[in-house]
Amino acid sequence: AIPLHPEYGTSPNVYYVPPMSPLAFDANNELTDEMRIPDSILEGYFGKDVHRVMGILLAERDEKKKGNGSELMDLLISRKWQDRYAEFINHPV
């Protein structure tokens, strides 16, 4: 996780995991190798370190896709709402 807008020199107590967006489509509606959220947008929010962090996230996601273990992806993926909000006992909808 990295701070939001590090260029302001603040020391936040909240850190963010940059979003891994789906792949973009080209003019012919073919999938490209580019993410839908451009690198420049992510860098604007998170600073230059976002490229290193995204590399880690994408590598860990690829390991998980291959069927290998990834403690990082297991921490980031919650399959049930109860995993995130255990203190709530009623279904949200």
C-alpha atoms as a PDB file:
ATOM      1  CA  ALA A   1       0.000   0.000   0.000  1.00  0.00           C
ATOM      2  CA  ILE A   2       1.180   3.516  -0.766  1.00  0.00           C
ATOM      3  CA  PRO A   3       0.110   7.018   0.290  1.00  0.00           C
ATOM      4  CA  LEU A   4      -2.192   9.161  -1.816  1.00  0.00           C
ATOM      5  CA  HIS A   5      -0.553  12.314  -3.274  1.00  0.00           C
ATOM      6  CA  PRO A   6       2.936  11.885  -1.760  1.00  0.00           C
ATOM      7  CA  GLU A   7       4.063  15.127  -3.420  1.00  0.00           C
ATOM      8  CA  TYR A   8       2.276  17.105  -0.689  1.00  0.00           C
ATOM      9  CA  GLY A   9       4.679  15.730   1.913  1.00  0.00           C
ATOM     10  CA  THR A  10       1.930  14.698   4.298  1.00  0.00           C
ATOM     11  CA  SER A  11       2.173  11.612   6.449  1.00  0.00           C
ATOM     12  CA  PRO A  12      -1.212   9.965   6.066  1.00  0.00           C
ATOM     13  CA  ASN A  13      -2.483   7.327   8.410  1.00  0.00           C
ATOM     14  CA  VAL A  14      -4.373   5.712   5.534  1.00  0.00           C
ATOM     15  CA  TYR A  15      -2.644   3.940   2.671  1.00  0.00           C
ATOM     16  CA  TYR A  16      -4.197   2.725  -0.548  1.00  0.00           C
ATOM     17  CA  VAL A  17      -3.723  -0.288  -2.770  1.00  0.00           C
ATOM     18  CA  PRO A  18      -3.778   1.023  -6.349  1.00  0.00           C
ATOM     19  CA  PRO A  19      -6.626  -0.404  -8.446  1.00  0.00           C
ATOM     20  CA  MET A  20      -5.891  -3.112 -10.993  1.00  0.00           C
ATOM     21  CA  SER A  21      -8.344  -2.205 -13.718  1.00  0.00           C
ATOM     22  CA  PRO A  22      -9.458  -4.533 -16.513  1.00  0.00           C
ATOM     23  CA  LEU A  23      -7.659  -4.404 -19.843  1.00  0.00           C
ATOM     24  CA  ALA A  24      -8.637  -1.713 -22.340  1.00  0.00           C
ATOM     25  CA  PHE A  25     -10.176  -2.266 -25.770  1.00  0.00           C
ATOM     26  CA  ASP A  26      -8.836  -0.731 -28.972  1.00  0.00           C
ATOM     27  CA  ALA A  27     -10.870   0.947 -31.740  1.00  0.00           C
ATOM     28  CA  ASN A  28     -11.772  -2.501 -33.157  1.00  0.00           C
ATOM     29  CA  ASN A  29     -13.073  -3.738 -29.792  1.00  0.00           C
ATOM     30  CA  GLU A  30     -10.044  -6.003 -29.369  1.00  0.00           C
ATOM     31  CA  LEU A  31      -8.403  -6.356 -25.969  1.00  0.00           C
ATOM     32  CA  THR A  32      -5.061  -4.613 -25.629  1.00  0.00           C
ATOM     33  CA  ASP A  33      -2.220  -5.162 -23.169  1.00  0.00           C
ATOM     34  CA  GLU A  34      -2.965  -1.794 -21.548  1.00  0.00           C
ATOM     35  CA  MET A  35      -5.034  -1.304 -18.409  1.00  0.00           C
ATOM     36  CA  ARG A  36      -8.188   0.836 -18.653  1.00  0.00           C
ATOM     37  CA  ILE A  37      -6.790   3.222 -16.045  1.00  0.00           C
ATOM     38  CA  PRO A  38      -3.720   4.790 -17.684  1.00  0.00           C
ATOM     39  CA  ASP A  39      -0.396   4.731 -15.832  1.00  0.00           C
ATOM     40  CA  SER A  40      -0.331   8.529 -15.910  1.00  0.00           C
ATOM     41  CA  ILE A  41      -3.584   8.705 -13.921  1.00  0.00           C
ATOM     42  CA  LEU A  42      -2.287   6.257 -11.301  1.00  0.00           C
ATOM     43  CA  GLU A  43       1.003   8.147 -11.082  1.00  0.00           C
ATOM     44  CA  GLY A  44      -0.930  11.377 -10.563  1.00  0.00           C
ATOM     45  CA  TYR A  45      -2.666   9.897  -7.531  1.00  0.00           C
ATOM     46  CA  PHE A  46       0.082   7.731  -6.038  1.00  0.00           C
ATOM     47  CA  GLY A  47       3.400   9.101  -7.314  1.00  0.00           C
ATOM     48  CA  LYS A  48       6.131   7.338  -9.266  1.00  0.00           C
ATOM     49  CA  ASP A  49       6.322   4.412  -6.814  1.00  0.00           C
ATOM     50  CA  VAL A  50       2.977   3.220  -8.187  1.00  0.00           C
ATOM     51  CA  HIS A  51       4.794   1.511 -11.083  1.00  0.00           C
ATOM     52  CA  ARG A  52       6.807  -0.683  -8.699  1.00  0.00           C
ATOM     53  CA  VAL A  53       3.705  -1.484  -6.639  1.00  0.00           C
ATOM     54  CA  MET A  54       1.631  -2.321  -9.726  1.00  0.00           C
ATOM     55  CA  GLY A  55       4.403  -4.652 -10.889  1.00  0.00           C
ATOM     56  CA  ILE A  56       4.191  -6.517  -7.581  1.00  0.00           C
ATOM     57  CA  LEU A  57       0.391  -6.689  -7.685  1.00  0.00           C
ATOM     58  CA  LEU A  58       0.291  -7.934 -11.279  1.00  0.00           C
ATOM     59  CA  ALA A  59       3.005 -10.539 -10.626  1.00  0.00           C
ATOM     60  CA  GLU A  60       1.147 -11.823  -7.565  1.00  0.00           C
ATOM     61  CA  ARG A  61      -2.127 -11.940  -9.514  1.00  0.00           C
ATOM     62  CA  ASP A  62      -0.412 -13.964 -12.249  1.00  0.00           C
ATOM     63  CA  GLU A  63       0.909 -16.420  -9.644  1.00  0.00           C
ATOM     64  CA  LYS A  64      -2.613 -16.857  -8.280  1.00  0.00           C
ATOM     65  CA  LYS A  65      -3.973 -17.429 -11.812  1.00  0.00           C
ATOM     66  CA  LYS A  66      -1.378 -20.183 -12.302  1.00  0.00           C
ATOM     67  CA  GLY A  67      -2.715 -21.923  -9.216  1.00  0.00           C
ATOM     68  CA  ASN A  68       0.231 -20.982  -7.022  1.00  0.00           C
ATOM     69  CA  GLY A  69      -0.131 -19.466  -3.594  1.00  0.00           C
ATOM     70  CA  SER A  70      -0.060 -15.734  -3.000  1.00  0.00           C
ATOM     71  CA  GLU A  71      -0.437 -14.497   0.546  1.00  0.00           C
ATOM     72  CA  LEU A  72      -0.815 -10.945  -0.783  1.00  0.00           C
ATOM     73  CA  MET A  73      -3.716 -11.828  -3.082  1.00  0.00           C
ATOM     74  CA  ASP A  74      -5.357 -13.870  -0.331  1.00  0.00           C
ATOM     75  CA  LEU A  75      -5.257 -10.773   1.895  1.00  0.00           C
ATOM     76  CA  LEU A  76      -6.671  -8.493  -0.801  1.00  0.00           C
ATOM     77  CA  ILE A  77      -9.440 -10.787  -2.058  1.00  0.00           C
ATOM     78  CA  SER A  78     -12.480 -11.171   0.143  1.00  0.00           C
ATOM     79  CA  ARG A  79     -14.936 -13.634  -1.260  1.00  0.00           C
ATOM     80  CA  LYS A  80     -17.745 -12.945   1.215  1.00  0.00           C
ATOM     81  CA  TRP A  81     -18.884  -9.651   2.709  1.00  0.00           C
ATOM     82  CA  GLN A  82     -18.624 -11.255   6.158  1.00  0.00           C
ATOM     83  CA  ASP A  83     -14.848 -11.510   5.660  1.00  0.00           C
ATOM     84  CA  ARG A  84     -14.597  -7.712   5.528  1.00  0.00           C
ATOM     85  CA  TYR A  85     -17.312  -6.721   7.953  1.00  0.00           C
ATOM     86  CA  ALA A  86     -17.374  -9.482  10.539  1.00  0.00           C
ATOM     87  CA  GLU A  87     -18.783  -7.189  13.228  1.00  0.00           C
ATOM     88  CA  PHE A  88     -22.044  -6.797  11.279  1.00  0.00           C
ATOM     89  CA  ILE A  89     -24.465  -9.661  11.729  1.00  0.00           C
ATOM     90  CA  ASN A  90     -27.213  -8.703   9.247  1.00  0.00           C
ATOM     91  CA  HIS A  91     -26.984  -9.093   5.485  1.00  0.00           C
ATOM     92  CA  PRO A  92     -26.473  -5.619   3.895  1.00  0.00           C
ATOM     93  CA  VAL A  93     -29.336  -5.921   1.357  1.00  0.00           C
END
